[in-house]
C-alpha atoms as a PDB file:
ATOM      1  CA  MET A   1       3.787 -16.425   5.171  1.00  0.00           C
ATOM      2  CA  GLN A   2       4.078 -12.741   4.365  1.00  0.00           C
ATOM      3  CA  SER A   3       0.725 -12.096   6.078  1.00  0.00           C
ATOM      4  CA  PHE A   4       2.285 -12.841   9.475  1.00  0.00           C
ATOM      5  CA  HIS A   5       3.974  -9.433   9.192  1.00  0.00           C
ATOM      6  CA  LEU A   6       0.614  -7.667   8.919  1.00  0.00           C
ATOM      7  CA  PRO A   7      -0.737  -5.792  11.932  1.00  0.00           C
ATOM      8  CA  ARG A   8      -3.105  -7.916  13.964  1.00  0.00           C
ATOM      9  CA  SER A   9      -6.710  -6.868  14.430  1.00  0.00           C
ATOM     10  CA  ALA A  10      -7.822  -5.326  17.723  1.00  0.00           C
ATOM     11  CA  ALA A  11     -10.017  -8.366  18.346  1.00  0.00           C
ATOM     12  CA  PHE A  12      -6.987 -10.644  18.030  1.00  0.00           C
ATOM     13  CA  GLY A  13      -5.312  -9.065  21.044  1.00  0.00           C
ATOM     14  CA  GLN A  14      -8.545  -8.990  23.051  1.00  0.00           C
ATOM     15  CA  LEU A  15      -9.176 -12.668  22.407  1.00  0.00           C
ATOM     16  CA  GLU A  16      -5.649 -13.696  23.386  1.00  0.00           C
ATOM     17  CA  THR A  17      -5.927 -11.773  26.645  1.00  0.00           C
ATOM     18  CA  LEU A  18      -9.317 -13.276  27.483  1.00  0.00           C
ATOM     19  CA  ALA A  19      -8.210 -16.814  26.565  1.00  0.00           C
ATOM     20  CA  ARG A  20      -5.347 -16.600  29.058  1.00  0.00           C
ATOM     21  CA  GLU A  21      -7.719 -15.467  31.789  1.00  0.00           C
ATOM     22  CA  ARG A  22     -10.529 -18.004  31.396  1.00  0.00           C
ATOM     23  CA  ILE A  23     -12.029 -20.657  29.166  1.00  0.00           C
ATOM     24  CA  LEU A  24     -14.029 -18.980  26.411  1.00  0.00           C
ATOM     25  CA  ILE A  25     -17.469 -20.113  25.278  1.00  0.00           C
ATOM     26  CA  LEU A  26     -18.425 -20.781  21.663  1.00  0.00           C
ATOM     27  CA  ASP A  27     -22.066 -21.055  20.597  1.00  0.00           C
ATOM     28  CA  GLY A  28     -24.029 -24.183  19.689  1.00  0.00           C
ATOM     29  CA  ALA A  29     -25.806 -25.692  16.706  1.00  0.00           C
ATOM     30  CA  MET A  30     -27.708 -23.610  14.172  1.00  0.00           C
ATOM     31  CA  GLY A  31     -29.413 -26.512  12.419  1.00  0.00           C
ATOM     32  CA  THR A  32     -31.164 -27.683  15.586  1.00  0.00           C
ATOM     33  CA  GLN A  33     -32.621 -24.225  16.150  1.00  0.00           C
ATOM     34  CA  ILE A  34     -33.602 -23.730  12.524  1.00  0.00           C
ATOM     35  CA  GLN A  35     -35.418 -27.070  12.427  1.00  0.00           C
ATOM     36  CA  GLY A  36     -37.456 -25.906  15.374  1.00  0.00           C
ATOM     37  CA  LEU A  37     -38.783 -22.967  13.352  1.00  0.00           C
ATOM     38  CA  GLY A  38     -40.762 -25.319  11.093  1.00  0.00           C
ATOM     39  CA  LEU A  39     -40.107 -23.275   7.963  1.00  0.00           C
ATOM     40  CA  SER A  40     -41.658 -24.107   4.586  1.00  0.00           C
ATOM     41  CA  GLU A  41     -40.193 -23.951   1.095  1.00  0.00           C
ATOM     42  CA  GLU A  42     -41.844 -20.544   0.699  1.00  0.00           C
ATOM     43  CA  ASP A  43     -40.191 -19.323   3.895  1.00  0.00           C
ATOM     44  CA  TYR A  44     -36.769 -20.502   2.750  1.00  0.00           C
ATOM     45  CA  ALA A  45     -37.140 -18.948  -0.691  1.00  0.00           C
ATOM     46  CA  GLY A  46     -38.482 -15.669   0.673  1.00  0.00           C
ATOM     47  CA  HIS A  47     -41.907 -16.033  -0.875  1.00  0.00           C
ATOM     48  CA  GLY A  48     -43.782 -16.239   2.421  1.00  0.00           C
ATOM     49  CA  ALA A  49     -43.340 -14.282   5.629  1.00  0.00           C
ATOM     50  CA  GLY A  50     -39.888 -12.734   5.795  1.00  0.00           C
ATOM     51  CA  CYS A  51     -37.794 -10.879   3.229  1.00  0.00           C
ATOM     52  CA  ALA A  52     -37.847 -11.228  -0.524  1.00  0.00           C
ATOM     53  CA  CYS A  53     -34.558 -12.516  -1.937  1.00  0.00           C
ATOM     54  CA  ARG A  54     -33.009 -10.784  -4.931  1.00  0.00           C
ATOM     55  CA  HIS A  55     -31.258 -14.026  -5.876  1.00  0.00           C
ATOM     56  CA  HIS A  56     -33.369 -16.587  -7.684  1.00  0.00           C
ATOM     57  CA  SER A  57     -33.043 -20.238  -8.598  1.00  0.00           C
ATOM     58  CA  ASP A  58     -35.184 -22.958 -10.126  1.00  0.00           C
ATOM     59  CA  HIS A  59     -33.980 -25.365  -7.412  1.00  0.00           C
ATOM     60  CA  PRO A  60     -35.973 -26.035  -4.224  1.00  0.00           C
ATOM     61  CA  GLN A  61     -34.441 -24.095  -1.324  1.00  0.00           C
ATOM     62  CA  LYS A  62     -35.826 -25.880   1.730  1.00  0.00           C
ATOM     63  CA  GLY A  63     -32.807 -27.127   3.654  1.00  0.00           C
ATOM     64  CA  ASN A  64     -30.578 -24.310   2.419  1.00  0.00           C
ATOM     65  CA  ASN A  65     -30.143 -22.942   5.933  1.00  0.00           C
ATOM     66  CA  ASP A  66     -27.598 -20.333   4.886  1.00  0.00           C
ATOM     67  CA  LEU A  67     -30.171 -18.658   2.622  1.00  0.00           C
ATOM     68  CA  LEU A  68     -32.241 -17.779   5.692  1.00  0.00           C
ATOM     69  CA  ILE A  69     -29.690 -15.016   6.312  1.00  0.00           C
ATOM     70  CA  LEU A  70     -31.372 -13.197   3.423  1.00  0.00           C
ATOM     71  CA  THR A  71     -34.946 -14.469   3.650  1.00  0.00           C
ATOM     72  CA  GLN A  72     -35.472 -14.801   7.430  1.00  0.00           C
ATOM     73  CA  PRO A  73     -32.870 -12.457   8.937  1.00  0.00           C
ATOM     74  CA  GLU A  74     -34.837 -11.675  12.089  1.00  0.00           C
ATOM     75  CA  ALA A  75     -35.198 -15.360  12.955  1.00  0.00           C
ATOM     76  CA  ILE A  76     -31.480 -15.976  12.422  1.00  0.00           C
ATOM     77  CA  GLU A  77     -30.540 -12.912  14.471  1.00  0.00           C
ATOM     78  CA  GLU A  78     -32.724 -14.141  17.322  1.00  0.00           C
ATOM     79  CA  ILE A  79     -30.942 -17.509  17.384  1.00  0.00           C
ATOM     80  CA  HIS A  80     -27.572 -15.748  17.570  1.00  0.00           C
ATOM     81  CA  PHE A  81     -28.900 -13.476  20.330  1.00  0.00           C
ATOM     82  CA  LYS A  82     -30.104 -16.443  22.398  1.00  0.00           C
ATOM     83  CA  TYR A  83     -26.662 -18.037  22.206  1.00  0.00           C
ATOM     84  CA  ALA A  84     -25.012 -14.768  23.219  1.00  0.00           C
ATOM     85  CA  MET A  85     -27.306 -14.426  26.227  1.00  0.00           C
ATOM     86  CA  ALA A  86     -26.686 -18.075  27.133  1.00  0.00           C
ATOM     87  CA  GLY A  87     -23.033 -17.190  27.695  1.00  0.00           C
ATOM     88  CA  ALA A  88     -21.291 -17.443  24.310  1.00  0.00           C
ATOM     89  CA  ASP A  89     -18.259 -15.193  23.926  1.00  0.00           C
ATOM     90  CA  ILE A  90     -17.862 -16.220  20.278  1.00  0.00           C
ATOM     91  CA  VAL A  91     -20.860 -16.645  17.977  1.00  0.00           C
ATOM     92  CA  GLU A  92     -20.603 -18.174  14.511  1.00  0.00           C
ATOM     93  CA  THR A  93     -22.181 -16.880  11.346  1.00  0.00           C
ATOM     94  CA  ASN A  94     -24.779 -19.071   9.668  1.00  0.00           C
ATOM     95  CA  THR A  95     -22.470 -19.552   6.665  1.00  0.00           C
ATOM     96  CA  PHE A  96     -21.326 -23.172   6.917  1.00  0.00           C
ATOM     97  CA  SER A  97     -22.314 -23.826   3.283  1.00  0.00           C
ATOM     98  CA  ALA A  98     -21.932 -20.298   1.907  1.00  0.00           C
ATOM     99  CA  THR A  99     -19.420 -21.031  -0.855  1.00  0.00           C
ATOM    100  CA  THR A 100     -20.095 -21.241  -4.563  1.00  0.00           C
ATOM    101  CA  ILE A 101     -19.173 -24.937  -4.392  1.00  0.00           C
ATOM    102  CA  ALA A 102     -21.750 -25.818  -1.736  1.00  0.00           C
ATOM    103  CA  GLN A 103     -24.422 -23.407  -2.990  1.00  0.00           C
ATOM    104  CA  ALA A 104     -24.252 -24.984  -6.455  1.00  0.00           C
ATOM    105  CA  ASP A 105     -26.571 -27.694  -5.108  1.00  0.00           C
ATOM    106  CA  TYR A 106     -29.248 -25.015  -4.763  1.00  0.00           C
ATOM    107  CA  GLY A 107     -28.351 -22.936  -7.812  1.00  0.00           C
ATOM    108  CA  MET A 108     -27.524 -20.051  -5.472  1.00  0.00           C
ATOM    109  CA  GLU A 109     -23.897 -19.354  -6.341  1.00  0.00           C
ATOM    110  CA  SER A 110     -24.776 -15.715  -7.060  1.00  0.00           C
ATOM    111  CA  ALA A 111     -25.869 -15.199  -3.442  1.00  0.00           C
ATOM    112  CA  VAL A 112     -22.542 -16.121  -1.846  1.00  0.00           C
ATOM    113  CA  HIS A 113     -21.202 -12.605  -1.290  1.00  0.00           C
ATOM    114  CA  ASP A 114     -24.464 -11.412   0.271  1.00  0.00           C
ATOM    115  CA  LEU A 115     -24.820 -14.517   2.421  1.00  0.00           C
ATOM    116  CA  ASN A 116     -21.428 -13.992   4.027  1.00  0.00           C
ATOM    117  CA  ALA A 117     -21.423 -10.216   4.358  1.00  0.00           C
ATOM    118  CA  GLU A 118     -24.970 -10.126   5.711  1.00  0.00           C
ATOM    119  CA  GLY A 119     -24.341 -13.210   7.817  1.00  0.00           C
ATOM    120  CA  ALA A 120     -21.564 -11.407   9.678  1.00  0.00           C
ATOM    121  CA  ARG A 121     -23.642  -8.238  10.043  1.00  0.00           C
ATOM    122  CA  ILE A 122     -26.553 -10.178  11.527  1.00  0.00           C
ATOM    123  CA  VAL A 123     -24.324 -11.762  14.166  1.00  0.00           C
ATOM    124  CA  ARG A 124     -22.818  -8.372  15.012  1.00  0.00           C
ATOM    125  CA  ARG A 125     -26.303  -6.910  15.516  1.00  0.00           C
ATOM    126  CA  ALA A 126     -27.234  -9.769  17.827  1.00  0.00           C
ATOM    127  CA  LEU A 127     -24.017  -9.450  19.833  1.00  0.00           C
ATOM    128  CA  ASP A 128     -24.366  -5.687  20.137  1.00  0.00           C
ATOM    129  CA  ARG A 129     -27.867  -6.201  21.554  1.00  0.00           C
ATOM    130  CA  ALA A 130     -26.493  -8.649  24.123  1.00  0.00           C
ATOM    131  CA  THR A 131     -23.565  -6.419  25.050  1.00  0.00           C
ATOM    132  CA  ALA A 132     -25.950  -3.493  25.560  1.00  0.00           C
ATOM    133  CA  ILE A 133     -27.640  -5.619  28.233  1.00  0.00           C
ATOM    134  CA  ASP A 134     -24.655  -6.991  30.163  1.00  0.00           C
ATOM    135  CA  GLY A 135     -21.574  -5.118  28.921  1.00  0.00           C
ATOM    136  CA  LYS A 136     -19.668  -8.286  27.974  1.00  0.00           C
ATOM    137  CA  PRO A 137     -17.497  -8.169  24.836  1.00  0.00           C
ATOM    138  CA  ARG A 138     -18.407 -10.755  22.219  1.00  0.00           C
ATOM    139  CA  PHE A 139     -16.868 -11.765  18.906  1.00  0.00           C
ATOM    140  CA  VAL A 140     -18.185 -12.724  15.471  1.00  0.00           C
ATOM    141  CA  ALA A 141     -16.680 -15.922  14.046  1.00  0.00           C
ATOM    142  CA  GLY A 142     -17.057 -16.234  10.280  1.00  0.00           C
ATOM    143  CA  ALA A 143     -17.925 -19.918   9.784  1.00  0.00           C
ATOM    144  CA  VAL A 144     -16.151 -21.591   6.868  1.00  0.00           C
ATOM    145  CA  GLY A 145     -17.345 -25.151   6.275  1.00  0.00           C
ATOM    146  CA  PRO A 146     -15.570 -27.966   4.430  1.00  0.00           C
ATOM    147  CA  THR A 147     -17.762 -27.839   1.293  1.00  0.00           C
ATOM    148  CA  ASN A 148     -19.344 -31.013  -0.020  1.00  0.00           C
ATOM    149  CA  ARG A 149     -16.277 -32.039  -2.038  1.00  0.00           C
ATOM    150  CA  THR A 150     -12.870 -33.374  -1.108  1.00  0.00           C
ATOM    151  CA  ALA A 151      -9.549 -32.530  -2.722  1.00  0.00           C
ATOM    152  CA  SER A 152      -7.734 -35.599  -1.359  1.00  0.00           C
ATOM    153  CA  LEU A 153     -10.130 -38.405  -2.234  1.00  0.00           C
ATOM    154  CA  SER A 154     -11.927 -39.621  -5.319  1.00  0.00           C
ATOM    155  CA  PRO A 155     -15.716 -39.891  -5.213  1.00  0.00           C
ATOM    156  CA  ASP A 156     -15.438 -42.653  -7.813  1.00  0.00           C
ATOM    157  CA  VAL A 157     -14.176 -45.984  -6.466  1.00  0.00           C
ATOM    158  CA  ASN A 158     -13.462 -47.088 -10.035  1.00  0.00           C
ATOM    159  CA  ASN A 159     -11.225 -44.088 -10.687  1.00  0.00           C
ATOM    160  CA  PRO A 160      -9.101 -43.382  -7.605  1.00  0.00           C
ATOM    161  CA  GLY A 161      -7.111 -40.672  -9.358  1.00  0.00           C
ATOM    162  CA  TYR A 162     -10.171 -38.563 -10.112  1.00  0.00           C
ATOM    163  CA  ARG A 163     -10.893 -35.430  -8.070  1.00  0.00           C
ATOM    164  CA  ALA A 164     -14.204 -33.569  -8.124  1.00  0.00           C
ATOM    165  CA  VAL A 165     -12.501 -30.347  -7.032  1.00  0.00           C
ATOM    166  CA  THR A 166      -9.003 -28.868  -7.206  1.00  0.00           C
ATOM    167  CA  PHE A 167      -7.007 -26.929  -4.650  1.00  0.00           C
ATOM    168  CA  ASP A 168      -7.413 -23.758  -6.719  1.00  0.00           C
ATOM    169  CA  ASP A 169     -11.165 -24.298  -7.021  1.00  0.00           C
ATOM    170  CA  LEU A 170     -11.344 -24.414  -3.242  1.00  0.00           C
ATOM    171  CA  ARG A 171      -8.958 -21.510  -2.748  1.00  0.00           C
ATOM    172  CA  MET A 172     -11.026 -19.258  -4.986  1.00  0.00           C
ATOM    173  CA  ALA A 173     -14.346 -20.296  -3.442  1.00  0.00           C
ATOM    174  CA  TYR A 174     -13.044 -19.879   0.088  1.00  0.00           C
ATOM    175  CA  GLY A 175     -11.442 -16.563  -0.824  1.00  0.00           C
ATOM    176  CA  GLN A 176     -14.761 -15.172  -2.016  1.00  0.00           C
ATOM    177  CA  GLN A 177     -16.412 -16.312   1.195  1.00  0.00           C
ATOM    178  CA  ILE A 178     -13.708 -15.011   3.531  1.00  0.00           C
ATOM    179  CA  ARG A 179     -13.487 -11.594   1.865  1.00  0.00           C
ATOM    180  CA  ALA A 180     -17.229 -11.135   2.287  1.00  0.00           C
ATOM    181  CA  LEU A 181     -17.112 -12.262   5.922  1.00  0.00           C
ATOM    182  CA  ILE A 182     -14.402  -9.686   6.612  1.00  0.00           C
ATOM    183  CA  GLU A 183     -16.429  -7.027   4.783  1.00  0.00           C
ATOM    184  CA  GLY A 184     -19.393  -7.850   7.015  1.00  0.00           C
ATOM    185  CA  GLY A 185     -17.347  -7.423  10.178  1.00  0.00           C
ATOM    186  CA  ALA A 186     -16.174 -10.894  11.202  1.00  0.00           C
ATOM    187  CA  ASP A 187     -13.629 -10.782  14.036  1.00  0.00           C
ATOM    188  CA  ILE A 188     -12.436 -14.379  13.519  1.00  0.00           C
ATOM    189  CA  ILE A 189     -12.315 -16.840  10.639  1.00  0.00           C
ATOM    190  CA  LEU A 190     -13.345 -20.304  11.819  1.00  0.00           C
ATOM    191  CA  VAL A 191     -12.389 -23.114   9.434  1.00  0.00           C
ATOM    192  CA  GLU A 192     -14.453 -25.964  10.842  1.00  0.00           C
ATOM    193  CA  THR A 193     -15.591 -29.577  10.513  1.00  0.00           C
ATOM    194  CA  ILE A 194     -12.449 -30.420   8.545  1.00  0.00           C
ATOM    195  CA  PHE A 195     -12.581 -33.965   7.185  1.00  0.00           C
ATOM    196  CA  ASP A 196      -9.958 -33.368   4.480  1.00  0.00           C
ATOM    197  CA  THR A 197      -6.883 -31.393   5.499  1.00  0.00           C
ATOM    198  CA  LEU A 198      -6.144 -30.408   1.902  1.00  0.00           C
ATOM    199  CA  ASN A 199      -9.468 -28.572   1.809  1.00  0.00           C
ATOM    200  CA  ALA A 200      -8.457 -26.850   5.034  1.00  0.00           C
ATOM    201  CA  LYS A 201      -5.108 -25.848   3.584  1.00  0.00           C
ATOM    202  CA  ALA A 202      -6.920 -24.196   0.677  1.00  0.00           C
ATOM    203  CA  ALA A 203      -9.056 -22.287   3.203  1.00  0.00           C
ATOM    204  CA  ILE A 204      -5.962 -21.247   5.172  1.00  0.00           C
ATOM    205  CA  PHE A 205      -4.260 -20.054   1.982  1.00  0.00           C
ATOM    206  CA  ALA A 206      -7.377 -18.070   1.089  1.00  0.00           C
ATOM    207  CA  CYS A 207      -7.435 -16.544   4.582  1.00  0.00           C
ATOM    208  CA  PHE A 208      -3.960 -15.138   4.242  1.00  0.00           C
ATOM    209  CA  GLU A 209      -4.615 -13.862   0.739  1.00  0.00           C
ATOM    210  CA  ALA A 210      -7.661 -12.040   2.080  1.00  0.00           C
ATOM    211  CA  PHE A 211      -5.760 -10.702   5.104  1.00  0.00           C
ATOM    212  CA  ALA A 212      -3.063  -9.314   2.807  1.00  0.00           C
ATOM    213  CA  GLU A 213      -5.686  -7.471   0.779  1.00  0.00           C
ATOM    214  CA  HIS A 214      -7.407  -6.244   3.929  1.00  0.00           C
ATOM    215  CA  GLY A 215      -4.138  -5.107   5.493  1.00  0.00           C
ATOM    216  CA  THR A 216      -4.926  -6.760   8.825  1.00  0.00           C
ATOM    217  CA  ARG A 217      -4.494 -10.277  10.152  1.00  0.00           C
ATOM    218  CA  LEU A 218      -7.538 -11.799  11.847  1.00  0.00           C
ATOM    219  CA  PRO A 219      -7.352 -14.739  14.265  1.00  0.00           C
ATOM    220  CA  VAL A 220      -7.992 -18.084  12.593  1.00  0.00           C
ATOM    221  CA  MET A 221      -9.618 -20.981  14.413  1.00  0.00           C
ATOM    222  CA  ILE A 222      -9.113 -24.430  12.884  1.00  0.00           C
ATOM    223  CA  SER A 223     -11.313 -27.372  13.850  1.00  0.00           C
ATOM    224  CA  GLY A 224     -11.024 -30.901  12.528  1.00  0.00           C
ATOM    225  CA  THR A 225     -13.456 -33.808  12.639  1.00  0.00           C
ATOM    226  CA  ILE A 226     -12.594 -37.346  13.724  1.00  0.00           C
ATOM    227  CA  THR A 227     -15.084 -39.363  11.746  1.00  0.00           C
ATOM    228  CA  ASP A 228     -15.087 -42.741  13.511  1.00  0.00           C
ATOM    229  CA  ALA A 229     -13.493 -44.984  16.130  1.00  0.00           C
ATOM    230  CA  SER A 230     -10.261 -45.163  14.128  1.00  0.00           C
ATOM    231  CA  GLY A 231      -9.327 -41.774  15.588  1.00  0.00           C
ATOM    232  CA  ARG A 232      -8.583 -40.308  12.180  1.00  0.00           C
ATOM    233  CA  THR A 233     -10.045 -37.720   9.865  1.00  0.00           C
ATOM    234  CA  LEU A 234     -11.699 -38.944   6.669  1.00  0.00           C
ATOM    235  CA  SER A 235      -8.467 -38.220   4.794  1.00  0.00           C
ATOM    236  CA  GLY A 236      -6.583 -40.464   7.223  1.00  0.00           C
ATOM    237  CA  GLN A 237      -4.832 -38.201   9.712  1.00  0.00           C
ATOM    238  CA  THR A 238      -4.515 -38.670  13.446  1.00  0.00           C
ATOM    239  CA  PRO A 239      -4.976 -35.569  15.638  1.00  0.00           C
ATOM    240  CA  THR A 240      -1.188 -35.211  15.904  1.00  0.00           C
ATOM    241  CA  ALA A 241      -0.704 -35.404  12.139  1.00  0.00           C
ATOM    242  CA  PHE A 242      -3.567 -32.974  11.634  1.00  0.00           C
ATOM    243  CA  TRP A 243      -1.901 -30.437  13.931  1.00  0.00           C
ATOM    244  CA  HIS A 244       1.446 -30.688  12.180  1.00  0.00           C
ATOM    245  CA  SER A 245      -0.331 -30.157   8.849  1.00  0.00           C
ATOM    246  CA  VAL A 246      -1.904 -26.861   9.902  1.00  0.00           C
ATOM    247  CA  ARG A 247       0.460 -25.430  12.517  1.00  0.00           C
ATOM    248  CA  HIS A 248       2.180 -23.294   9.859  1.00  0.00           C
ATOM    249  CA  ALA A 249      -0.969 -21.111   9.920  1.00  0.00           C
ATOM    250  CA  ARG A 250      -0.263 -20.174  13.554  1.00  0.00           C
ATOM    251  CA  PRO A 251      -3.947 -20.514  14.405  1.00  0.00           C
ATOM    252  CA  PHE A 252      -5.524 -18.825  17.397  1.00  0.00           C
ATOM    253  CA  THR A 253      -7.053 -22.201  18.244  1.00  0.00           C
ATOM    254  CA  VAL A 254      -6.867 -25.731  16.943  1.00  0.00           C
ATOM    255  CA  GLY A 255      -9.446 -28.283  17.928  1.00  0.00           C
ATOM    256  CA  LEU A 256     -12.163 -30.762  17.136  1.00  0.00           C
ATOM    257  CA  ASN A 257     -15.893 -30.575  16.475  1.00  0.00           C
ATOM    258  CA  CYS A 258     -18.827 -32.610  15.206  1.00  0.00           C
ATOM    259  CA  ALA A 259     -19.122 -36.355  14.398  1.00  0.00           C
ATOM    260  CA  LEU A 260     -18.653 -37.457  18.021  1.00  0.00           C
ATOM    261  CA  GLY A 261     -20.129 -36.727  21.408  1.00  0.00           C
ATOM    262  CA  ALA A 262     -17.902 -35.446  24.180  1.00  0.00           C
ATOM    263  CA  ALA A 263     -17.116 -38.860  25.648  1.00  0.00           C
ATOM    264  CA  ALA A 264     -15.873 -40.278  22.342  1.00  0.00           C
ATOM    265  CA  MET A 265     -14.019 -37.053  21.506  1.00  0.00           C
ATOM    266  CA  ARG A 266     -12.046 -36.912  24.739  1.00  0.00           C
ATOM    267  CA  PRO A 267      -9.044 -39.163  23.862  1.00  0.00           C
ATOM    268  CA  HIS A 268      -8.563 -37.409  20.518  1.00  0.00           C
ATOM    269  CA  LEU A 269      -8.779 -33.999  22.172  1.00  0.00           C
ATOM    270  CA  ALA A 270      -6.241 -35.087  24.789  1.00  0.00           C
ATOM    271  CA  GLU A 271      -3.842 -36.137  22.029  1.00  0.00           C
ATOM    272  CA  LEU A 272      -4.227 -32.787  20.293  1.00  0.00           C
ATOM    273  CA  ALA A 273      -3.853 -30.803  23.525  1.00  0.00           C
ATOM    274  CA  ALA A 274      -0.598 -32.629  24.254  1.00  0.00           C
ATOM    275  CA  VAL A 275       1.085 -31.534  21.021  1.00  0.00           C
ATOM    276  CA  ALA A 276      -0.438 -28.153  20.073  1.00  0.00           C
ATOM    277  CA  ASP A 277       1.459 -25.031  21.099  1.00  0.00           C
ATOM    278  CA  THR A 278      -1.616 -22.834  20.735  1.00  0.00           C
ATOM    279  CA  PHE A 279      -5.037 -22.608  22.364  1.00  0.00           C
ATOM    280  CA  THR A 280      -7.346 -25.616  21.962  1.00  0.00           C
ATOM    281  CA  CYS A 281     -11.051 -25.664  21.163  1.00  0.00           C
ATOM    282  CA  ALA A 282     -13.649 -28.434  21.443  1.00  0.00           C
ATOM    283  CA  TYR A 283     -17.302 -28.374  20.490  1.00  0.00           C
ATOM    284  CA  PRO A 284     -18.747 -31.886  20.361  1.00  0.00           C
ATOM    285  CA  ASN A 285     -22.220 -33.023  19.392  1.00  0.00           C
ATOM    286  CA  ALA A 286     -24.873 -33.658  22.009  1.00  0.00           C
ATOM    287  CA  GLY A 287     -23.943 -37.335  21.992  1.00  0.00           C
ATOM    288  CA  LEU A 288     -24.649 -39.510  18.977  1.00  0.00           C
ATOM    289  CA  PRO A 289     -27.869 -39.339  16.952  1.00  0.00           C
ATOM    290  CA  ASN A 290     -30.618 -41.851  17.592  1.00  0.00           C
ATOM    291  CA  ALA A 291     -32.312 -43.964  14.917  1.00  0.00           C
ATOM    292  CA  PHE A 292     -34.343 -40.937  13.836  1.00  0.00           C
ATOM    293  CA  GLY A 293     -31.341 -38.643  13.513  1.00  0.00           C
ATOM    294  CA  GLN A 294     -32.212 -36.741  16.681  1.00  0.00           C
ATOM    295  CA  TYR A 295     -29.878 -35.966  19.594  1.00  0.00           C
ATOM    296  CA  ASP A 296     -31.069 -37.106  23.010  1.00  0.00           C
ATOM    297  CA  GLU A 297     -28.235 -35.936  25.257  1.00  0.00           C
ATOM    298  CA  GLY A 298     -29.507 -33.185  27.526  1.00  0.00           C
ATOM    299  CA  PRO A 299     -27.710 -29.993  28.561  1.00  0.00           C
ATOM    300  CA  GLU A 300     -26.548 -31.276  31.949  1.00  0.00           C
ATOM    301  CA  ASP A 301     -25.089 -34.484  30.505  1.00  0.00           C
ATOM    302  CA  THR A 302     -23.159 -32.668  27.771  1.00  0.00           C
ATOM    303  CA  ALA A 303     -22.022 -29.995  30.206  1.00  0.00           C
ATOM    304  CA  ALA A 304     -20.726 -32.527  32.723  1.00  0.00           C
ATOM    305  CA  GLN A 305     -18.528 -34.166  30.090  1.00  0.00           C
ATOM    306  CA  ILE A 306     -17.179 -30.853  28.793  1.00  0.00           C
ATOM    307  CA  GLY A 307     -16.645 -29.825  32.407  1.00  0.00           C
ATOM    308  CA  ASP A 308     -14.329 -32.832  32.648  1.00  0.00           C
ATOM    309  CA  PHE A 309     -12.365 -31.480  29.665  1.00  0.00           C
ATOM    310  CA  ALA A 310     -11.854 -28.277  31.640  1.00  0.00           C
ATOM    311  CA  ARG A 311     -11.030 -30.087  34.880  1.00  0.00           C
ATOM    312  CA  GLU A 312      -8.323 -32.053  33.083  1.00  0.00           C
ATOM    313  CA  GLY A 313      -6.791 -28.912  31.557  1.00  0.00           C
ATOM    314  CA  LEU A 314      -7.491 -29.850  27.943  1.00  0.00           C
ATOM    315  CA  VAL A 315      -9.295 -26.771  26.622  1.00  0.00           C
ATOM    316  CA  ASN A 316      -9.241 -23.013  26.119  1.00  0.00           C
ATOM    317  CA  VAL A 317     -12.489 -22.658  24.138  1.00  0.00           C
ATOM    318  CA  VAL A 318     -15.571 -24.904  24.367  1.00  0.00           C
ATOM    319  CA  GLY A 319     -19.013 -24.964  22.806  1.00  0.00           C
ATOM    320  CA  GLY A 320     -21.452 -27.303  21.122  1.00  0.00           C
ATOM    321  CA  CYS A 321     -22.097 -28.748  17.679  1.00  0.00           C
ATOM    322  CA  CYS A 322     -24.996 -30.841  16.331  1.00  0.00           C
ATOM    323  CA  GLY A 323     -27.938 -31.220  18.703  1.00  0.00           C
ATOM    324  CA  THR A 324     -26.845 -28.524  21.137  1.00  0.00           C
ATOM    325  CA  THR A 325     -29.070 -25.598  22.093  1.00  0.00           C
ATOM    326  CA  PRO A 326     -28.794 -22.369  24.089  1.00  0.00           C
ATOM    327  CA  ASP A 327     -29.629 -24.443  27.177  1.00  0.00           C
ATOM    328  CA  HIS A 328     -26.620 -26.666  26.441  1.00  0.00           C
ATOM    329  CA  ILE A 329     -24.358 -23.618  26.091  1.00  0.00           C
ATOM    330  CA  ARG A 330     -25.648 -22.116  29.342  1.00  0.00           C
ATOM    331  CA  ALA A 331     -24.994 -25.400  31.169  1.00  0.00           C
ATOM    332  CA  ILE A 332     -21.525 -25.734  29.599  1.00  0.00           C
ATOM    333  CA  ALA A 333     -20.632 -22.176  30.668  1.00  0.00           C
ATOM    334  CA  ASP A 334     -21.639 -22.999  34.234  1.00  0.00           C
ATOM    335  CA  ALA A 335     -19.765 -26.318  34.217  1.00  0.00           C
ATOM    336  CA  ILE A 336     -16.421 -24.912  33.092  1.00  0.00           C
ATOM    337  CA  ALA A 337     -16.549 -21.699  35.144  1.00  0.00           C
ATOM    338  CA  PRO A 338     -14.600 -23.060  38.165  1.00  0.00           C
ATOM    339  CA  PHE A 339     -11.643 -24.217  36.094  1.00  0.00           C
ATOM    340  CA  PRO A 340      -8.684 -22.282  34.675  1.00  0.00           C
ATOM    341  CA  PRO A 341      -7.862 -22.469  30.968  1.00  0.00           C
ATOM    342  CA  ARG A 342      -5.338 -24.928  29.611  1.00  0.00           C
ATOM    343  CA  VAL A 343      -1.813 -23.579  29.839  1.00  0.00           C
ATOM    344  CA  VAL A 344      -0.167 -23.236  26.423  1.00  0.00           C
ATOM    345  CA  LYS A 345       3.421 -24.477  26.543  1.00  0.00           C
END
């Protein structure tokens, strides 16, 4: 890719140096923290306490967590700040669904640029506050989710050749998101929760188009999701196949997140760590959800399992996904502290 010849960002070099010195800490779940705020439809839409939103829709907005960047920015900044103070070196933007494709469910396609640019700025403010306290450098990861459509599979069992989205649809939507994240000050682009590698390839392509326009190459983190006990992504790839499908992007990290708790993730992470010639990242859920969709695994239990990842030399970056909290991240940071990072061969 021509973008590999671009100068790398200052953060890229800093992150590589830090990742060789110690295991880095990623933040935890946003959804868990947002649920705890008990926000109403009026709060989400910006009609209650908070900020008025210049983007309007006839659709209900409750559940559109990304929109809180614009309507409840102080609450979102405080969540990011808590994760930073819990020990996170890398904190994600609240932009998992901030593409025109995903926001179409809420009629909020027009808000996408603002969601991403402001999302990155909010994280930077939170991290600057934390760094002013303890002097530690921290990095903004622009979160790029998988969207709610898949380019490899048909949503219609009676028409297997049908696709609800094309590669170019995804490339354009991701490009809009990534450009705005860069504008807002993201240090990293994190393509996460990948269930369909073709979607991820569209995001990677969009990254390098955006880097070329920006004139600087940012580090890219790529994180797949093993959806069940088969040990494969939804589009059918093993961890090894997944790596070989994305290694052309020369990612800063490759790894796994979501769907599984740490115990169930471990064999798939070990497979990936054995083949990847770059840093590895793992941020599992706090176990599996109970019958009510809640996560019962406490900070010490999650941390002990992720500590085993570190003890076995499987990881360079660790954090938490669904069900994890600042307390989980603090416990994880303590658990991995005695162990050196995985050696990249």
